[in-house]
Amino acid sequence: NSLALHDHGGTLLACSYYIKSPEGCG
């Protein structure tokens, strides 16, 4: 599965933190 293409309009900084993901995912 995946998230739809999106933005974080007007945001100065955005981040993602991966807690757990199998190899080859994320």
mmCIF file of all heavy atoms, coordinates in Angstrom:
data_MODEL
# 
_entry.id   MODEL 
# 
loop_
_atom_site.group_PDB 
_atom_site.id 
_atom_site.type_symbol 
_atom_site.label_atom_id 
_atom_site.label_alt_id 
_atom_site.label_comp_id 
_atom_site.label_asym_id 
_atom_site.label_entity_id 
_atom_site.label_seq_id 
_atom_site.pdbx_PDB_ins_code 
_atom_site.Cartn_x 
_atom_site.Cartn_y 
_atom_site.Cartn_z 
_atom_site.occupancy 
_atom_site.B_iso_or_equiv 
_atom_site.pdbx_formal_charge 
_atom_site.auth_seq_id 
_atom_site.auth_comp_id 
_atom_site.auth_asym_id 
_atom_site.auth_atom_id 
_atom_site.pdbx_PDB_model_num 
ATOM 1   N N   . ASN A 1 1  ? 0.841  -1.195 0.000  1.00 0.00 ? 1  ASN A N   1 
ATOM 2   C CA  . ASN A 1 1  ? 0.000  0.000  0.000  1.00 0.00 ? 1  ASN A CA  1 
ATOM 3   C C   . ASN A 1 1  ? 0.875  1.244  0.000  1.00 0.00 ? 1  ASN A C   1 
ATOM 4   O O   . ASN A 1 1  ? 2.062  1.183  0.307  1.00 0.00 ? 1  ASN A O   1 
ATOM 5   C CB  . ASN A 1 1  ? -0.924 0.030  1.217  1.00 0.00 ? 1  ASN A CB  1 
ATOM 6   C CG  . ASN A 1 1  ? -2.011 -1.003 1.133  1.00 0.00 ? 1  ASN A CG  1 
ATOM 7   O OD1 . ASN A 1 1  ? -2.122 -1.735 0.154  1.00 0.00 ? 1  ASN A OD1 1 
ATOM 8   N ND2 . ASN A 1 1  ? -2.832 -1.075 2.157  1.00 0.00 ? 1  ASN A ND2 1 
ATOM 9   N N   . SER A 1 2  ? 0.268  2.371  -0.315 1.00 0.00 ? 2  SER A N   1 
ATOM 10  C CA  . SER A 1 2  ? 1.020  3.621  -0.296 1.00 0.00 ? 2  SER A CA  1 
ATOM 11  C C   . SER A 1 2  ? 0.082  4.775  -0.012 1.00 0.00 ? 2  SER A C   1 
ATOM 12  O O   . SER A 1 2  ? -1.140 4.642  -0.099 1.00 0.00 ? 2  SER A O   1 
ATOM 13  C CB  . SER A 1 2  ? 1.717  3.841  -1.638 1.00 0.00 ? 2  SER A CB  1 
ATOM 14  O OG  . SER A 1 2  ? 0.759  3.951  -2.676 1.00 0.00 ? 2  SER A OG  1 
ATOM 15  N N   . LEU A 1 3  ? 0.667  5.901  0.341  1.00 0.00 ? 3  LEU A N   1 
ATOM 16  C CA  . LEU A 1 3  ? -0.095 7.128  0.516  1.00 0.00 ? 3  LEU A CA  1 
ATOM 17  C C   . LEU A 1 3  ? -0.210 7.820  -0.838 1.00 0.00 ? 3  LEU A C   1 
ATOM 18  O O   . LEU A 1 3  ? 0.701  7.722  -1.666 1.00 0.00 ? 3  LEU A O   1 
ATOM 19  C CB  . LEU A 1 3  ? 0.609  8.074  1.482  1.00 0.00 ? 3  LEU A CB  1 
ATOM 20  C CG  . LEU A 1 3  ? 0.656  7.652  2.939  1.00 0.00 ? 3  LEU A CG  1 
ATOM 21  C CD1 . LEU A 1 3  ? 1.509  8.622  3.737  1.00 0.00 ? 3  LEU A CD1 1 
ATOM 22  C CD2 . LEU A 1 3  ? -0.749 7.576  3.515  1.00 0.00 ? 3  LEU A CD2 1 
ATOM 23  N N   . ALA A 1 4  ? -1.276 8.543  -1.050 1.00 0.00 ? 4  ALA A N   1 
ATOM 24  C CA  . ALA A 1 4  ? -1.439 9.315  -2.275 1.00 0.00 ? 4  ALA A CA  1 
ATOM 25  C C   . ALA A 1 4  ? -0.409 10.441 -2.303 1.00 0.00 ? 4  ALA A C   1 
ATOM 26  O O   . ALA A 1 4  ? 0.009  10.941 -1.254 1.00 0.00 ? 4  ALA A O   1 
ATOM 27  C CB  . ALA A 1 4  ? -2.848 9.895  -2.342 1.00 0.00 ? 4  ALA A CB  1 
ATOM 28  N N   . LEU A 1 5  ? -0.020 10.828 -3.496 1.00 0.00 ? 5  LEU A N   1 
ATOM 29  C CA  . LEU A 1 5  ? 0.875  11.956 -3.669 1.00 0.00 ? 5  LEU A CA  1 
ATOM 30  C C   . LEU A 1 5  ? 0.234  13.181 -3.009 1.00 0.00 ? 5  LEU A C   1 
ATOM 31  O O   . LEU A 1 5  ? -0.941 13.465 -3.223 1.00 0.00 ? 5  LEU A O   1 
ATOM 32  C CB  . LEU A 1 5  ? 1.098  12.210 -5.163 1.00 0.00 ? 5  LEU A CB  1 
ATOM 33  C CG  . LEU A 1 5  ? 2.047  13.324 -5.538 1.00 0.00 ? 5  LEU A CG  1 
ATOM 34  C CD1 . LEU A 1 5  ? 3.455  12.991 -5.064 1.00 0.00 ? 5  LEU A CD1 1 
ATOM 35  C CD2 . LEU A 1 5  ? 2.034  13.523 -7.044 1.00 0.00 ? 5  LEU A CD2 1 
ATOM 36  N N   . HIS A 1 6  ? 0.988  13.857 -2.159 1.00 0.00 ? 6  HIS A N   1 
ATOM 37  C CA  . HIS A 1 6  ? 0.456  15.011 -1.451 1.00 0.00 ? 6  HIS A CA  1 
ATOM 38  C C   . HIS A 1 6  ? 1.587  15.961 -1.079 1.00 0.00 ? 6  HIS A C   1 
ATOM 39  O O   . HIS A 1 6  ? 2.757  15.623 -1.233 1.00 0.00 ? 6  HIS A O   1 
ATOM 40  C CB  . HIS A 1 6  ? -0.301 14.572 -0.184 1.00 0.00 ? 6  HIS A CB  1 
ATOM 41  C CG  . HIS A 1 6  ? 0.571  13.954 0.852  1.00 0.00 ? 6  HIS A CG  1 
ATOM 42  N ND1 . HIS A 1 6  ? 0.998  12.647 0.799  1.00 0.00 ? 6  HIS A ND1 1 
ATOM 43  C CD2 . HIS A 1 6  ? 1.114  14.475 1.979  1.00 0.00 ? 6  HIS A CD2 1 
ATOM 44  C CE1 . HIS A 1 6  ? 1.764  12.387 1.844  1.00 0.00 ? 6  HIS A CE1 1 
ATOM 45  N NE2 . HIS A 1 6  ? 1.860  13.479 2.573  1.00 0.00 ? 6  HIS A NE2 1 
ATOM 46  N N   . ASP A 1 7  ? 1.216  17.133 -0.611 1.00 0.00 ? 7  ASP A N   1 
ATOM 47  C CA  . ASP A 1 7  ? 2.221  18.071 -0.118 1.00 0.00 ? 7  ASP A CA  1 
ATOM 48  C C   . ASP A 1 7  ? 1.801  18.552 1.262  1.00 0.00 ? 7  ASP A C   1 
ATOM 49  O O   . ASP A 1 7  ? 0.761  18.158 1.775  1.00 0.00 ? 7  ASP A O   1 
ATOM 50  C CB  . ASP A 1 7  ? 2.425  19.250 -1.085 1.00 0.00 ? 7  ASP A CB  1 
ATOM 51  C CG  . ASP A 1 7  ? 1.199  20.134 -1.214 1.00 0.00 ? 7  ASP A CG  1 
ATOM 52  O OD1 . ASP A 1 7  ? 0.358  20.182 -0.294 1.00 0.00 ? 7  ASP A OD1 1 
ATOM 53  O OD2 . ASP A 1 7  ? 1.077  20.813 -2.250 1.00 0.00 ? 7  ASP A OD2 1 
ATOM 54  N N   . HIS A 1 8  ? 2.635  19.368 1.828  1.00 0.00 ? 8  HIS A N   1 
ATOM 55  C CA  . HIS A 1 8  ? 2.365  19.929 3.149  1.00 0.00 ? 8  HIS A CA  1 
ATOM 56  C C   . HIS A 1 8  ? 2.355  21.448 2.997  1.00 0.00 ? 8  HIS A C   1 
ATOM 57  O O   . HIS A 1 8  ? 3.080  22.158 3.687  1.00 0.00 ? 8  HIS A O   1 
ATOM 58  C CB  . HIS A 1 8  ? 3.419  19.470 4.153  1.00 0.00 ? 8  HIS A CB  1 
ATOM 59  C CG  . HIS A 1 8  ? 3.410  17.998 4.378  1.00 0.00 ? 8  HIS A CG  1 
ATOM 60  N ND1 . HIS A 1 8  ? 3.144  17.443 5.598  1.00 0.00 ? 8  HIS A ND1 1 
ATOM 61  C CD2 . HIS A 1 8  ? 3.603  16.952 3.536  1.00 0.00 ? 8  HIS A CD2 1 
ATOM 62  C CE1 . HIS A 1 8  ? 3.184  16.121 5.509  1.00 0.00 ? 8  HIS A CE1 1 
ATOM 63  N NE2 . HIS A 1 8  ? 3.462  15.809 4.260  1.00 0.00 ? 8  HIS A NE2 1 
ATOM 64  N N   . GLY A 1 9  ? 1.527  21.921 2.056  1.00 0.00 ? 9  GLY A N   1 
ATOM 65  C CA  . GLY A 1 9  ? 1.450  23.315 1.638  1.00 0.00 ? 9  GLY A CA  1 
ATOM 66  C C   . GLY A 1 9  ? 1.709  24.334 2.728  1.00 0.00 ? 9  GLY A C   1 
ATOM 67  O O   . GLY A 1 9  ? 1.105  24.299 3.789  1.00 0.00 ? 9  GLY A O   1 
ATOM 68  N N   . GLY A 1 10 ? 2.624  25.240 2.448  1.00 0.00 ? 10 GLY A N   1 
ATOM 69  C CA  . GLY A 1 10 ? 2.916  26.319 3.365  1.00 0.00 ? 10 GLY A CA  1 
ATOM 70  C C   . GLY A 1 10 ? 3.792  25.943 4.544  1.00 0.00 ? 10 GLY A C   1 
ATOM 71  O O   . GLY A 1 10 ? 4.129  26.778 5.367  1.00 0.00 ? 10 GLY A O   1 
ATOM 72  N N   . THR A 1 11 ? 4.182  24.691 4.624  1.00 0.00 ? 11 THR A N   1 
ATOM 73  C CA  . THR A 1 11 ? 5.002  24.234 5.740  1.00 0.00 ? 11 THR A CA  1 
ATOM 74  C C   . THR A 1 11 ? 6.467  24.560 5.477  1.00 0.00 ? 11 THR A C   1 
ATOM 75  O O   . THR A 1 11 ? 6.973  24.326 4.391  1.00 0.00 ? 11 THR A O   1 
ATOM 76  C CB  . THR A 1 11 ? 4.829  22.714 5.930  1.00 0.00 ? 11 THR A CB  1 
ATOM 77  O OG1 . THR A 1 11 ? 3.461  22.435 6.155  1.00 0.00 ? 11 THR A OG1 1 
ATOM 78  C CG2 . THR A 1 11 ? 5.661  22.196 7.065  1.00 0.00 ? 11 THR A CG2 1 
ATOM 79  N N   . LEU A 1 12 ? 7.129  25.083 6.476  1.00 0.00 ? 12 LEU A N   1 
ATOM 80  C CA  . LEU A 1 12 ? 8.541  25.404 6.339  1.00 0.00 ? 12 LEU A CA  1 
ATOM 81  C C   . LEU A 1 12 ? 9.391  24.136 6.329  1.00 0.00 ? 12 LEU A C   1 
ATOM 82  O O   . LEU A 1 12 ? 10.302 23.997 5.520  1.00 0.00 ? 12 LEU A O   1 
ATOM 83  C CB  . LEU A 1 12 ? 8.975  26.325 7.488  1.00 0.00 ? 12 LEU A CB  1 
ATOM 84  C CG  . LEU A 1 12 ? 10.394 26.847 7.448  1.00 0.00 ? 12 LEU A CG  1 
ATOM 85  C CD1 . LEU A 1 12 ? 10.645 27.658 6.185  1.00 0.00 ? 12 LEU A CD1 1 
ATOM 86  C CD2 . LEU A 1 12 ? 10.672 27.699 8.676  1.00 0.00 ? 12 LEU A CD2 1 
ATOM 87  N N   . LEU A 1 13 ? 9.083  23.205 7.224  1.00 0.00 ? 13 LEU A N   1 
ATOM 88  C CA  . LEU A 1 13 ? 9.801  21.942 7.304  1.00 0.00 ? 13 LEU A CA  1 
ATOM 89  C C   . LEU A 1 13 ? 8.794  20.804 7.475  1.00 0.00 ? 13 LEU A C   1 
ATOM 90  O O   . LEU A 1 13 ? 7.794  20.968 8.170  1.00 0.00 ? 13 LEU A O   1 
ATOM 91  C CB  . LEU A 1 13 ? 10.752 21.918 8.499  1.00 0.00 ? 13 LEU A CB  1 
ATOM 92  C CG  . LEU A 1 13 ? 11.921 22.883 8.485  1.00 0.00 ? 13 LEU A CG  1 
ATOM 93  C CD1 . LEU A 1 13 ? 12.603 22.901 9.854  1.00 0.00 ? 13 LEU A CD1 1 
ATOM 94  C CD2 . LEU A 1 13 ? 12.924 22.510 7.420  1.00 0.00 ? 13 LEU A CD2 1 
ATOM 95  N N   . ALA A 1 14 ? 9.080  19.675 6.867  1.00 0.00 ? 14 ALA A N   1 
ATOM 96  C CA  . ALA A 1 14 ? 8.264  18.476 7.062  1.00 0.00 ? 14 ALA A CA  1 
ATOM 97  C C   . ALA A 1 14 ? 9.229  17.318 7.283  1.00 0.00 ? 14 ALA A C   1 
ATOM 98  O O   . ALA A 1 14 ? 10.357 17.337 6.802  1.00 0.00 ? 14 ALA A O   1 
ATOM 99  C CB  . ALA A 1 14 ? 7.387  18.210 5.841  1.00 0.00 ? 14 ALA A CB  1 
ATOM 100 N N   . CYS A 1 15 ? 8.783  16.330 8.034  1.00 0.00 ? 15 CYS A N   1 
ATOM 101 C CA  . CYS A 1 15 ? 9.659  15.179 8.260  1.00 0.00 ? 15 CYS A CA  1 
ATOM 102 C C   . CYS A 1 15 ? 8.833  13.907 8.324  1.00 0.00 ? 15 CYS A C   1 
ATOM 103 O O   . CYS A 1 15 ? 7.624  13.935 8.550  1.00 0.00 ? 15 CYS A O   1 
ATOM 104 C CB  . CYS A 1 15 ? 10.494 15.353 9.515  1.00 0.00 ? 15 CYS A CB  1 
ATOM 105 S SG  . CYS A 1 15 ? 9.588  15.107 11.045 1.00 0.00 ? 15 CYS A SG  1 
ATOM 106 N N   . SER A 1 16 ? 9.519  12.801 8.100  1.00 0.00 ? 16 SER A N   1 
ATOM 107 C CA  . SER A 1 16 ? 8.936  11.466 8.249  1.00 0.00 ? 16 SER A CA  1 
ATOM 108 C C   . SER A 1 16 ? 9.882  10.656 9.107  1.00 0.00 ? 16 SER A C   1 
ATOM 109 O O   . SER A 1 16 ? 11.105 10.753 8.951  1.00 0.00 ? 16 SER A O   1 
ATOM 110 C CB  . SER A 1 16 ? 8.802  10.767 6.891  1.00 0.00 ? 16 SER A CB  1 
ATOM 111 O OG  . SER A 1 16 ? 7.856  11.418 6.091  1.00 0.00 ? 16 SER A OG  1 
ATOM 112 N N   . TYR A 1 17 ? 9.325  9.874  10.012 1.00 0.00 ? 17 TYR A N   1 
ATOM 113 C CA  . TYR A 1 17 ? 10.120 8.975  10.841 1.00 0.00 ? 17 TYR A CA  1 
ATOM 114 C C   . TYR A 1 17 ? 9.538  7.584  10.676 1.00 0.00 ? 17 TYR A C   1 
ATOM 115 O O   . TYR A 1 17 ? 8.341  7.379  10.883 1.00 0.00 ? 17 TYR A O   1 
ATOM 116 C CB  . TYR A 1 17 ? 10.072 9.389  12.324 1.00 0.00 ? 17 TYR A CB  1 
ATOM 117 C CG  . TYR A 1 17 ? 10.849 8.441  13.214 1.00 0.00 ? 17 TYR A CG  1 
ATOM 118 C CD1 . TYR A 1 17 ? 12.233 8.441  13.210 1.00 0.00 ? 17 TYR A CD1 1 
ATOM 119 C CD2 . TYR A 1 17 ? 10.192 7.525  14.036 1.00 0.00 ? 17 TYR A CD2 1 
ATOM 120 C CE1 . TYR A 1 17 ? 12.948 7.567  14.010 1.00 0.00 ? 17 TYR A CE1 1 
ATOM 121 C CE2 . TYR A 1 17 ? 10.897 6.653  14.838 1.00 0.00 ? 17 TYR A CE2 1 
ATOM 122 C CZ  . TYR A 1 17 ? 12.281 6.671  14.814 1.00 0.00 ? 17 TYR A CZ  1 
ATOM 123 O OH  . TYR A 1 17 ? 12.990 5.800  15.598 1.00 0.00 ? 17 TYR A OH  1 
ATOM 124 N N   . TYR A 1 18 ? 10.368 6.650  10.259 1.00 0.00 ? 18 TYR A N   1 
ATOM 125 C CA  . TYR A 1 18 ? 9.922  5.277  10.060 1.00 0.00 ? 18 TYR A CA  1 
ATOM 126 C C   . TYR A 1 18 ? 10.180 4.493  11.336 1.00 0.00 ? 18 TYR A C   1 
ATOM 127 O O   . TYR A 1 18 ? 11.331 4.296  11.726 1.00 0.00 ? 18 TYR A O   1 
ATOM 128 C CB  . TYR A 1 18 ? 10.664 4.642  8.884  1.00 0.00 ? 18 TYR A CB  1 
ATOM 129 C CG  . TYR A 1 18 ? 10.202 5.205  7.562  1.00 0.00 ? 18 TYR A CG  1 
ATOM 130 C CD1 . TYR A 1 18 ? 10.776 6.344  7.024  1.00 0.00 ? 18 TYR A CD1 1 
ATOM 131 C CD2 . TYR A 1 18 ? 9.161  4.599  6.871  1.00 0.00 ? 18 TYR A CD2 1 
ATOM 132 C CE1 . TYR A 1 18 ? 10.338 6.870  5.826  1.00 0.00 ? 18 TYR A CE1 1 
ATOM 133 C CE2 . TYR A 1 18 ? 8.711  5.116  5.667  1.00 0.00 ? 18 TYR A CE2 1 
ATOM 134 C CZ  . TYR A 1 18 ? 9.306  6.248  5.154  1.00 0.00 ? 18 TYR A CZ  1 
ATOM 135 O OH  . TYR A 1 18 ? 8.857  6.763  3.977  1.00 0.00 ? 18 TYR A OH  1 
ATOM 136 N N   . ILE A 1 19 ? 9.100  4.047  11.968 1.00 0.00 ? 19 ILE A N   1 
ATOM 137 C CA  . ILE A 1 19 ? 9.223  3.289  13.202 1.00 0.00 ? 19 ILE A CA  1 
ATOM 138 C C   . ILE A 1 19 ? 9.627  1.860  12.880 1.00 0.00 ? 19 ILE A C   1 
ATOM 139 O O   . ILE A 1 19 ? 10.572 1.324  13.441 1.00 0.00 ? 19 ILE A O   1 
ATOM 140 C CB  . ILE A 1 19 ? 7.907  3.311  14.005 1.00 0.00 ? 19 ILE A CB  1 
ATOM 141 C CG1 . ILE A 1 19 ? 7.582  4.756  14.390 1.00 0.00 ? 19 ILE A CG1 1 
ATOM 142 C CG2 . ILE A 1 19 ? 8.021  2.440  15.252 1.00 0.00 ? 19 ILE A CG2 1 
ATOM 143 C CD1 . ILE A 1 19 ? 6.219  4.937  15.035 1.00 0.00 ? 19 ILE A CD1 1 
ATOM 144 N N   . LYS A 1 20 ? 8.908  1.242  11.955 1.00 0.00 ? 20 LYS A N   1 
ATOM 145 C CA  . LYS A 1 20 ? 9.211  -0.123 11.514 1.00 0.00 ? 20 LYS A CA  1 
ATOM 146 C C   . LYS A 1 20 ? 8.783  -0.267 10.079 1.00 0.00 ? 20 LYS A C   1 
ATOM 147 O O   . LYS A 1 20 ? 7.714  0.191  9.694  1.00 0.00 ? 20 LYS A O   1 
ATOM 148 C CB  . LYS A 1 20 ? 8.416  -1.146 12.325 1.00 0.00 ? 20 LYS A CB  1 
ATOM 149 C CG  . LYS A 1 20 ? 9.062  -1.636 13.560 1.00 0.00 ? 20 LYS A CG  1 
ATOM 150 C CD  . LYS A 1 20 ? 8.270  -2.784 14.143 1.00 0.00 ? 20 LYS A CD  1 
ATOM 151 C CE  . LYS A 1 20 ? 8.939  -3.263 15.409 1.00 0.00 ? 20 LYS A CE  1 
ATOM 152 N NZ  . LYS A 1 20 ? 8.201  -4.310 16.069 1.00 0.00 ? 20 LYS A NZ  1 
ATOM 153 N N   . SER A 1 21 ? 9.607  -0.910 9.288  1.00 0.00 ? 21 SER A N   1 
ATOM 154 C CA  . SER A 1 21 ? 9.199  -1.280 7.936  1.00 0.00 ? 21 SER A CA  1 
ATOM 155 C C   . SER A 1 21 ? 10.079 -2.438 7.490  1.00 0.00 ? 21 SER A C   1 
ATOM 156 O O   . SER A 1 21 ? 11.284 -2.450 7.748  1.00 0.00 ? 21 SER A O   1 
ATOM 157 C CB  . SER A 1 21 ? 9.298  -0.106 6.969  1.00 0.00 ? 21 SER A CB  1 
ATOM 158 O OG  . SER A 1 21 ? 10.617 0.346  6.846  1.00 0.00 ? 21 SER A OG  1 
ATOM 159 N N   . PRO A 1 22 ? 9.472  -3.411 6.831  1.00 0.00 ? 22 PRO A N   1 
ATOM 160 C CA  . PRO A 1 22 ? 10.259 -4.528 6.325  1.00 0.00 ? 22 PRO A CA  1 
ATOM 161 C C   . PRO A 1 22 ? 11.246 -4.053 5.264  1.00 0.00 ? 22 PRO A C   1 
ATOM 162 O O   . PRO A 1 22 ? 11.055 -2.990 4.656  1.00 0.00 ? 22 PRO A O   1 
ATOM 163 C CB  . PRO A 1 22 ? 9.209  -5.465 5.703  1.00 0.00 ? 22 PRO A CB  1 
ATOM 164 C CG  . PRO A 1 22 ? 7.903  -5.011 6.225  1.00 0.00 ? 22 PRO A CG  1 
ATOM 165 C CD  . PRO A 1 22 ? 8.055  -3.566 6.578  1.00 0.00 ? 22 PRO A CD  1 
ATOM 166 N N   . GLU A 1 23 ? 12.276 -4.818 5.041  1.00 0.00 ? 23 GLU A N   1 
ATOM 167 C CA  . GLU A 1 23 ? 13.271 -4.497 4.022  1.00 0.00 ? 23 GLU A CA  1 
ATOM 168 C C   . GLU A 1 23 ? 12.568 -4.282 2.684  1.00 0.00 ? 23 GLU A C   1 
ATOM 169 O O   . GLU A 1 23 ? 11.679 -5.027 2.306  1.00 0.00 ? 23 GLU A O   1 
ATOM 170 C CB  . GLU A 1 23 ? 14.288 -5.632 3.906  1.00 0.00 ? 23 GLU A CB  1 
ATOM 171 C CG  . GLU A 1 23 ? 15.565 -5.245 3.206  1.00 0.00 ? 23 GLU A CG  1 
ATOM 172 C CD  . GLU A 1 23 ? 16.338 -4.171 3.942  1.00 0.00 ? 23 GLU A CD  1 
ATOM 173 O OE1 . GLU A 1 23 ? 16.385 -4.192 5.183  1.00 0.00 ? 23 GLU A OE1 1 
ATOM 174 O OE2 . GLU A 1 23 ? 16.895 -3.292 3.276  1.00 0.00 ? 23 GLU A OE2 1 
ATOM 175 N N   . GLY A 1 24 ? 12.948 -3.222 1.955  1.00 0.00 ? 24 GLY A N   1 
ATOM 176 C CA  . GLY A 1 24 ? 12.361 -2.939 0.651  1.00 0.00 ? 24 GLY A CA  1 
ATOM 177 C C   . GLY A 1 24 ? 11.040 -2.193 0.713  1.00 0.00 ? 24 GLY A C   1 
ATOM 178 O O   . GLY A 1 24 ? 10.411 -1.966 -0.311 1.00 0.00 ? 24 GLY A O   1 
ATOM 179 N N   . CYS A 1 25 ? 10.617 -1.798 1.910  1.00 0.00 ? 25 CYS A N   1 
ATOM 180 C CA  . CYS A 1 25 ? 9.362  -1.045 2.059  1.00 0.00 ? 25 CYS A CA  1 
ATOM 181 C C   . CYS A 1 25 ? 9.678  0.338  2.613  1.00 0.00 ? 25 CYS A C   1 
ATOM 182 O O   . CYS A 1 25 ? 10.711 0.543  3.231  1.00 0.00 ? 25 CYS A O   1 
ATOM 183 C CB  . CYS A 1 25 ? 8.420  -1.756 3.022  1.00 0.00 ? 25 CYS A CB  1 
ATOM 184 S SG  . CYS A 1 25 ? 7.809  -3.315 2.404  1.00 0.00 ? 25 CYS A SG  1 
ATOM 185 N N   . GLY A 1 26 ? 8.773  1.245  2.419  1.00 0.00 ? 26 GLY A N   1 
ATOM 186 C CA  . GLY A 1 26 ? 8.903  2.559  3.031  1.00 0.00 ? 26 GLY A CA  1 
ATOM 187 C C   . GLY A 1 26 ? 9.650  3.583  2.209  1.00 0.00 ? 26 GLY A C   1 
ATOM 188 O O   . GLY A 1 26 ? 10.045 4.614  2.737  1.00 0.00 ? 26 GLY A O   1 
# 
